[in-house]
Amino acid sequence: MRKVRKLIIFILCMLITAVIVLRIAGFKSYSIETESMVPTLAVDDMVYIYPVSFESLNKGDVITYVIDDKGTTITHRIISIDEDNKTVQTQGDNNEYPDIEPVGEENIIGKMVFKIPLLGKLEFLNNLKGDD
């Protein structure tokens, strides 16, 4: 029983360390809360987003962006890019139609680099990301 407890503590310490290192490196983490990106992303997956320039975005990239003054975020796939207006059109992989409004450059937080399945269930890790 002690070995199991030590292993669990070790794993949790490693997770916390990894989250802190990623945060220092400039990554932001977001827990997926809806099924709009199934099968690419599932509810409770944790996505790691890295800020990128608008010019480096490509059709097919998965991005996270802000939709309101409250800081509500959405993580969806880019289906088209309007270089002139610096906007992208997005759509959830599991959604039948594209999102209504194009997303402006100023609302894009960054591009998804990787995900960790089910890590979003660990609420205390979400709280380690801090406020921006």
N, C-alpha and C. Protein backbone atom coordinates (compact mmCIF):
# COMPACT_ATOMS: atom_id res chain seq x y z
N MET A 1 0.82 -1.20 0.00
CA MET A 1 0.00 0.00 0.00
C MET A 1 0.86 1.26 0.00
N ARG A 2 1.96 1.24 0.75
CA ARG A 2 2.85 2.40 0.80
C ARG A 2 3.48 2.67 -0.56
N LYS A 3 3.82 1.60 -1.29
CA LYS A 3 4.43 1.77 -2.60
C LYS A 3 3.45 2.42 -3.57
N VAL A 4 2.20 2.03 -3.49
CA VAL A 4 1.17 2.62 -4.36
C VAL A 4 1.00 4.09 -4.03
N ARG A 5 0.95 4.42 -2.75
CA ARG A 5 0.80 5.80 -2.32
C ARG A 5 1.99 6.64 -2.80
N LYS A 6 3.20 6.11 -2.65
CA LYS A 6 4.39 6.81 -3.10
C LYS A 6 4.38 7.01 -4.61
N LEU A 7 3.92 6.01 -5.34
CA LEU A 7 3.84 6.12 -6.80
C LEU A 7 2.84 7.19 -7.21
N ILE A 8 1.70 7.23 -6.56
CA ILE A 8 0.68 8.25 -6.87
C ILE A 8 1.22 9.65 -6.56
N ILE A 9 1.88 9.80 -5.43
CA ILE A 9 2.46 11.10 -5.07
C ILE A 9 3.53 11.50 -6.09
N PHE A 10 4.36 10.55 -6.49
CA PHE A 10 5.40 10.83 -7.48
C PHE A 10 4.77 11.29 -8.81
N ILE A 11 3.76 10.58 -9.26
CA ILE A 11 3.09 10.93 -10.54
C ILE A 11 2.47 12.32 -10.44
N LEU A 12 1.81 12.61 -9.35
CA LEU A 12 1.20 13.94 -9.18
C LEU A 12 2.26 15.04 -9.16
N CYS A 13 3.37 14.78 -8.50
CA CYS A 13 4.46 15.77 -8.47
C CYS A 13 5.02 16.00 -9.87
N MET A 14 5.15 14.93 -10.65
CA MET A 14 5.65 15.06 -12.02
C MET A 14 4.66 15.85 -12.88
N LEU A 15 3.37 15.59 -12.71
CA LEU A 15 2.35 16.34 -13.47
C LEU A 15 2.40 17.82 -13.12
N ILE A 16 2.47 18.13 -11.84
CA ILE A 16 2.52 19.53 -11.42
C ILE A 16 3.78 20.21 -11.96
N THR A 17 4.91 19.53 -11.90
CA THR A 17 6.15 20.07 -12.43
C THR A 17 6.03 20.32 -13.93
N ALA A 18 5.48 19.37 -14.66
CA ALA A 18 5.32 19.52 -16.11
C ALA A 18 4.42 20.70 -16.44
N VAL A 19 3.33 20.86 -15.71
CA VAL A 19 2.41 21.97 -15.94
C VAL A 19 3.12 23.30 -15.70
N ILE A 20 3.89 23.39 -14.63
CA ILE A 20 4.60 24.63 -14.31
C ILE A 20 5.65 24.95 -15.38
N VAL A 21 6.40 23.94 -15.80
CA VAL A 21 7.43 24.14 -16.83
C VAL A 21 6.78 24.60 -18.15
N LEU A 22 5.68 23.97 -18.54
CA LEU A 22 4.98 24.38 -19.76
C LEU A 22 4.48 25.82 -19.65
N ARG A 23 3.98 26.17 -18.49
CA ARG A 23 3.49 27.54 -18.28
C ARG A 23 4.63 28.56 -18.41
N ILE A 24 5.76 28.24 -17.82
CA ILE A 24 6.93 29.13 -17.91
C ILE A 24 7.39 29.25 -19.36
N ALA A 25 7.25 28.17 -20.13
CA ALA A 25 7.67 28.16 -21.53
C ALA A 25 6.69 28.90 -22.44
N GLY A 26 5.58 29.38 -21.90
CA GLY A 26 4.64 30.18 -22.68
C GLY A 26 3.38 29.46 -23.12
N PHE A 27 3.24 28.19 -22.75
CA PHE A 27 2.04 27.44 -23.10
C PHE A 27 0.89 27.83 -22.18
N LYS A 28 -0.31 27.78 -22.71
CA LYS A 28 -1.51 27.96 -21.91
C LYS A 28 -2.32 26.68 -22.03
N SER A 29 -2.98 26.30 -20.96
CA SER A 29 -3.76 25.05 -20.99
C SER A 29 -5.24 25.36 -20.83
N TYR A 30 -6.03 24.57 -21.55
CA TYR A 30 -7.48 24.72 -21.50
C TYR A 30 -8.11 23.34 -21.48
N SER A 31 -9.08 23.18 -20.62
CA SER A 31 -9.82 21.93 -20.53
C SER A 31 -10.98 21.98 -21.53
N ILE A 32 -11.16 20.91 -22.28
CA ILE A 32 -12.25 20.84 -23.25
C ILE A 32 -13.54 20.51 -22.51
N GLU A 33 -14.58 21.31 -22.74
CA GLU A 33 -15.82 21.17 -21.98
C GLU A 33 -17.01 20.70 -22.79
N THR A 34 -16.87 20.67 -24.12
CA THR A 34 -17.99 20.22 -24.95
C THR A 34 -17.52 19.17 -25.95
N GLU A 35 -18.45 18.60 -26.68
CA GLU A 35 -18.14 17.57 -27.67
C GLU A 35 -17.97 18.14 -29.08
N SER A 36 -17.80 19.44 -29.21
CA SER A 36 -17.75 20.06 -30.53
C SER A 36 -16.54 19.64 -31.37
N MET A 37 -15.50 19.13 -30.73
CA MET A 37 -14.29 18.74 -31.48
C MET A 37 -14.06 17.22 -31.53
N VAL A 38 -15.06 16.44 -31.13
CA VAL A 38 -14.96 14.98 -31.22
C VAL A 38 -14.85 14.61 -32.69
N PRO A 39 -13.99 13.72 -33.13
CA PRO A 39 -13.17 12.80 -32.35
C PRO A 39 -11.77 13.34 -32.03
N THR A 40 -11.42 14.52 -32.53
CA THR A 40 -10.08 15.05 -32.30
C THR A 40 -9.84 15.33 -30.82
N LEU A 41 -10.81 15.97 -30.19
CA LEU A 41 -10.72 16.31 -28.76
C LEU A 41 -11.98 15.86 -28.06
N ALA A 42 -11.81 15.26 -26.90
CA ALA A 42 -12.95 14.80 -26.11
C ALA A 42 -13.13 15.69 -24.89
N VAL A 43 -14.32 15.63 -24.31
CA VAL A 43 -14.58 16.35 -23.06
C VAL A 43 -13.55 15.89 -22.03
N ASP A 44 -13.00 16.85 -21.31
CA ASP A 44 -11.98 16.66 -20.27
C ASP A 44 -10.57 16.44 -20.79
N ASP A 45 -10.36 16.51 -22.10
CA ASP A 45 -8.98 16.55 -22.61
C ASP A 45 -8.41 17.91 -22.22
N MET A 46 -7.11 17.96 -21.98
CA MET A 46 -6.43 19.22 -21.72
C MET A 46 -5.62 19.54 -22.98
N VAL A 47 -5.87 20.73 -23.56
CA VAL A 47 -5.11 21.14 -24.73
C VAL A 47 -4.07 22.17 -24.30
N TYR A 48 -2.92 22.10 -24.96
CA TYR A 48 -1.84 23.04 -24.68
C TYR A 48 -1.67 23.92 -25.91
N ILE A 49 -1.84 25.21 -25.68
CA ILE A 49 -1.88 26.22 -26.74
C ILE A 49 -0.63 27.08 -26.64
N TYR A 50 -0.06 27.38 -27.81
CA TYR A 50 1.11 28.25 -27.84
C TYR A 50 0.80 29.45 -28.72
N PRO A 51 1.10 30.66 -28.25
CA PRO A 51 0.84 31.85 -29.06
C PRO A 51 1.66 31.82 -30.35
N VAL A 52 1.02 32.15 -31.47
CA VAL A 52 1.70 32.21 -32.76
C VAL A 52 1.23 33.45 -33.51
N SER A 53 2.00 33.87 -34.49
CA SER A 53 1.60 35.01 -35.31
C SER A 53 0.46 34.60 -36.24
N PHE A 54 -0.34 35.57 -36.64
CA PHE A 54 -1.45 35.29 -37.55
C PHE A 54 -0.92 34.68 -38.85
N GLU A 55 0.20 35.16 -39.30
CA GLU A 55 0.78 34.71 -40.57
C GLU A 55 1.20 33.24 -40.54
N SER A 56 1.42 32.70 -39.36
CA SER A 56 1.86 31.30 -39.27
C SER A 56 0.68 30.32 -39.16
N LEU A 57 -0.55 30.85 -39.11
CA LEU A 57 -1.72 29.98 -39.04
C LEU A 57 -2.01 29.38 -40.41
N ASN A 58 -2.51 28.15 -40.40
CA ASN A 58 -2.85 27.45 -41.63
C ASN A 58 -4.23 26.83 -41.52
N LYS A 59 -4.87 26.67 -42.67
CA LYS A 59 -6.13 25.95 -42.72
C LYS A 59 -5.88 24.57 -42.14
N GLY A 60 -6.77 24.14 -41.24
CA GLY A 60 -6.62 22.84 -40.58
C GLY A 60 -6.05 22.93 -39.18
N ASP A 61 -5.42 24.07 -38.82
CA ASP A 61 -4.90 24.22 -37.45
C ASP A 61 -6.05 24.28 -36.46
N VAL A 62 -5.82 23.76 -35.26
CA VAL A 62 -6.78 23.89 -34.17
C VAL A 62 -6.30 25.04 -33.30
N ILE A 63 -7.18 26.02 -33.10
CA ILE A 63 -6.83 27.21 -32.33
C ILE A 63 -7.79 27.39 -31.16
N THR A 64 -7.32 28.15 -30.19
CA THR A 64 -8.19 28.58 -29.09
C THR A 64 -8.31 30.09 -29.19
N TYR A 65 -9.54 30.57 -29.03
CA TYR A 65 -9.80 32.00 -29.16
C TYR A 65 -10.85 32.45 -28.16
N VAL A 66 -10.86 33.75 -27.90
CA VAL A 66 -11.78 34.37 -26.95
C VAL A 66 -13.00 34.87 -27.71
N ILE A 67 -14.20 34.66 -27.13
CA ILE A 67 -15.42 35.08 -27.84
C ILE A 67 -16.16 36.22 -27.16
N ASP A 68 -15.76 36.62 -25.94
CA ASP A 68 -16.49 37.69 -25.27
C ASP A 68 -15.60 38.40 -24.25
N ASP A 69 -16.16 39.42 -23.64
CA ASP A 69 -15.43 40.21 -22.63
C ASP A 69 -15.18 39.43 -21.34
N LYS A 70 -15.91 38.35 -21.13
CA LYS A 70 -15.75 37.53 -19.93
C LYS A 70 -14.56 36.58 -20.04
N GLY A 71 -13.98 36.48 -21.23
CA GLY A 71 -12.84 35.59 -21.41
C GLY A 71 -13.22 34.18 -21.80
N THR A 72 -14.46 33.97 -22.21
CA THR A 72 -14.90 32.65 -22.64
C THR A 72 -14.10 32.22 -23.86
N THR A 73 -13.61 31.00 -23.84
CA THR A 73 -12.79 30.52 -24.95
C THR A 73 -13.45 29.36 -25.69
N ILE A 74 -13.06 29.22 -26.93
CA ILE A 74 -13.49 28.11 -27.79
C ILE A 74 -12.24 27.56 -28.46
N THR A 75 -12.21 26.25 -28.61
CA THR A 75 -11.13 25.59 -29.34
C THR A 75 -11.76 24.89 -30.54
N HIS A 76 -11.50 25.41 -31.74
CA HIS A 76 -12.04 24.87 -32.98
C HIS A 76 -10.97 24.88 -34.07
N ARG A 77 -11.30 24.24 -35.18
CA ARG A 77 -10.38 24.12 -36.32
C ARG A 77 -10.59 25.27 -37.32
N ILE A 78 -9.50 25.76 -37.88
CA ILE A 78 -9.58 26.78 -38.93
C ILE A 78 -9.99 26.09 -40.23
N ILE A 79 -11.06 26.62 -40.85
CA ILE A 79 -11.50 26.06 -42.14
C ILE A 79 -11.19 27.00 -43.30
N SER A 80 -10.92 28.27 -42.99
CA SER A 80 -10.48 29.21 -44.02
C SER A 80 -9.83 30.42 -43.36
N ILE A 81 -9.00 31.09 -44.14
CA ILE A 81 -8.27 32.25 -43.63
C ILE A 81 -8.47 33.42 -44.58
N ASP A 82 -8.84 34.58 -44.04
CA ASP A 82 -8.97 35.81 -44.81
C ASP A 82 -7.76 36.68 -44.46
N GLU A 83 -6.75 36.61 -45.29
CA GLU A 83 -5.50 37.35 -45.03
C GLU A 83 -5.72 38.86 -45.01
N ASP A 84 -6.59 39.36 -45.90
CA ASP A 84 -6.82 40.80 -45.99
C ASP A 84 -7.43 41.38 -44.72
N ASN A 85 -8.42 40.69 -44.17
CA ASN A 85 -9.10 41.18 -42.97
C ASN A 85 -8.52 40.61 -41.68
N LYS A 86 -7.51 39.75 -41.82
CA LYS A 86 -6.87 39.09 -40.67
C LYS A 86 -7.90 38.42 -39.78
N THR A 87 -8.73 37.57 -40.41
CA THR A 87 -9.72 36.77 -39.70
C THR A 87 -9.63 35.33 -40.19
N VAL A 88 -10.14 34.44 -39.35
CA VAL A 88 -10.24 33.03 -39.74
C VAL A 88 -11.67 32.58 -39.52
N GLN A 89 -12.09 31.63 -40.33
CA GLN A 89 -13.40 30.98 -40.13
C GLN A 89 -13.11 29.65 -39.45
N THR A 90 -13.87 29.34 -38.42
CA THR A 90 -13.64 28.12 -37.65
C THR A 90 -14.87 27.24 -37.64
N GLN A 91 -14.63 25.98 -37.27
CA GLN A 91 -15.72 25.02 -37.13
C GLN A 91 -15.24 23.90 -36.23
N GLY A 92 -16.13 23.45 -35.36
CA GLY A 92 -15.83 22.28 -34.56
C GLY A 92 -15.90 21.04 -35.44
N ASP A 93 -15.00 20.10 -35.24
CA ASP A 93 -14.98 18.88 -36.06
C ASP A 93 -16.29 18.12 -35.98
N ASN A 94 -16.99 18.23 -34.87
CA ASN A 94 -18.24 17.50 -34.66
C ASN A 94 -19.46 18.36 -34.96
N ASN A 95 -19.25 19.59 -35.45
CA ASN A 95 -20.36 20.49 -35.75
C ASN A 95 -20.70 20.43 -37.23
N GLU A 96 -21.98 20.51 -37.52
CA GLU A 96 -22.44 20.41 -38.91
C GLU A 96 -22.12 21.67 -39.71
N TYR A 97 -22.12 22.81 -39.04
CA TYR A 97 -21.92 24.08 -39.74
C TYR A 97 -20.75 24.86 -39.14
N PRO A 98 -20.16 25.76 -39.95
CA PRO A 98 -19.09 26.63 -39.42
C PRO A 98 -19.63 27.55 -38.34
N ASP A 99 -18.73 28.06 -37.52
CA ASP A 99 -19.12 29.04 -36.51
C ASP A 99 -19.64 30.29 -37.22
N ILE A 100 -20.58 30.98 -36.60
CA ILE A 100 -21.27 32.10 -37.24
C ILE A 100 -20.33 33.26 -37.55
N GLU A 101 -19.55 33.66 -36.58
CA GLU A 101 -18.69 34.83 -36.73
C GLU A 101 -17.25 34.42 -37.06
N PRO A 102 -16.61 35.14 -37.99
CA PRO A 102 -15.18 34.91 -38.18
C PRO A 102 -14.42 35.39 -36.93
N VAL A 103 -13.24 34.84 -36.72
CA VAL A 103 -12.43 35.18 -35.55
C VAL A 103 -11.32 36.12 -35.96
N GLY A 104 -11.27 37.29 -35.33
CA GLY A 104 -10.24 38.26 -35.63
C GLY A 104 -8.91 37.91 -34.98
N GLU A 105 -7.85 38.39 -35.59
CA GLU A 105 -6.49 38.14 -35.09
C GLU A 105 -6.36 38.47 -33.60
N GLU A 106 -7.00 39.54 -33.17
CA GLU A 106 -6.88 39.99 -31.79
C GLU A 106 -7.53 39.03 -30.79
N ASN A 107 -8.40 38.15 -31.25
CA ASN A 107 -9.09 37.21 -30.37
C ASN A 107 -8.41 35.84 -30.29
N ILE A 108 -7.44 35.62 -31.15
CA ILE A 108 -6.78 34.31 -31.19
C ILE A 108 -5.72 34.23 -30.10
N ILE A 109 -5.86 33.25 -29.23
CA ILE A 109 -4.90 33.04 -28.15
C ILE A 109 -3.68 32.29 -28.68
N GLY A 110 -3.94 31.27 -29.50
CA GLY A 110 -2.83 30.51 -30.05
C GLY A 110 -3.28 29.21 -30.69
N LYS A 111 -2.29 28.44 -31.11
CA LYS A 111 -2.52 27.19 -31.83
C LYS A 111 -2.26 26.01 -30.89
N MET A 112 -3.11 24.97 -31.02
CA MET A 112 -2.92 23.77 -30.22
C MET A 112 -1.65 23.06 -30.66
N VAL A 113 -0.82 22.73 -29.68
CA VAL A 113 0.42 22.00 -29.96
C VAL A 113 0.24 20.51 -29.62
N PHE A 114 -0.41 20.26 -28.48
CA PHE A 114 -0.69 18.87 -28.11
C PHE A 114 -1.83 18.83 -27.10
N LYS A 115 -2.31 17.62 -26.85
CA LYS A 115 -3.37 17.41 -25.87
C LYS A 115 -2.96 16.28 -24.95
N ILE A 116 -3.54 16.26 -23.77
CA ILE A 116 -3.38 15.14 -22.86
C ILE A 116 -4.79 14.68 -22.49
N PRO A 117 -5.17 13.49 -22.95
CA PRO A 117 -6.52 13.00 -22.68
C PRO A 117 -6.84 12.94 -21.19
N LEU A 118 -8.04 13.38 -20.86
CA LEU A 118 -8.62 13.31 -19.51
C LEU A 118 -7.93 14.15 -18.44
N LEU A 119 -6.85 14.83 -18.77
CA LEU A 119 -6.15 15.63 -17.77
C LEU A 119 -7.01 16.79 -17.27
N GLY A 120 -7.97 17.21 -18.07
CA GLY A 120 -8.87 18.28 -17.66
C GLY A 120 -9.73 17.93 -16.46
N LYS A 121 -9.83 16.63 -16.16
CA LYS A 121 -10.59 16.20 -14.97
C LYS A 121 -9.91 16.60 -13.67
N LEU A 122 -8.60 16.81 -13.74
CA LEU A 122 -7.87 17.18 -12.53
C LEU A 122 -7.95 18.70 -12.35
N GLU A 123 -8.99 19.12 -11.69
CA GLU A 123 -9.32 20.55 -11.55
C GLU A 123 -8.18 21.37 -10.99
N PHE A 124 -7.42 20.83 -10.05
CA PHE A 124 -6.34 21.61 -9.43
C PHE A 124 -5.27 21.96 -10.46
N LEU A 125 -5.08 21.14 -11.50
CA LEU A 125 -4.11 21.47 -12.54
C LEU A 125 -4.59 22.65 -13.38
N ASN A 126 -5.89 22.74 -13.59
CA ASN A 126 -6.45 23.89 -14.31
C ASN A 126 -6.15 25.18 -13.57
N ASN A 127 -6.19 25.13 -12.26
CA ASN A 127 -5.98 26.32 -11.45
C ASN A 127 -4.52 26.74 -11.41
N LEU A 128 -3.59 25.87 -11.79
CA LEU A 128 -2.19 26.22 -11.81
C LEU A 128 -1.81 27.13 -12.97
N LYS A 129 -2.72 27.25 -13.95
CA LYS A 129 -2.36 28.04 -15.12
C LYS A 129 -2.32 29.53 -14.84
N GLY A 130 -2.97 29.98 -13.80
CA GLY A 130 -2.89 31.39 -13.42
C GLY A 130 -3.78 32.26 -14.28
N ASP A 131 -3.87 33.51 -13.94
CA ASP A 131 -4.68 34.47 -14.68
C ASP A 131 -3.83 35.25 -15.65
N ASP A 132 -4.42 35.59 -16.78
CA ASP A 132 -3.72 36.38 -17.80
C ASP A 132 -4.38 37.73 -17.97
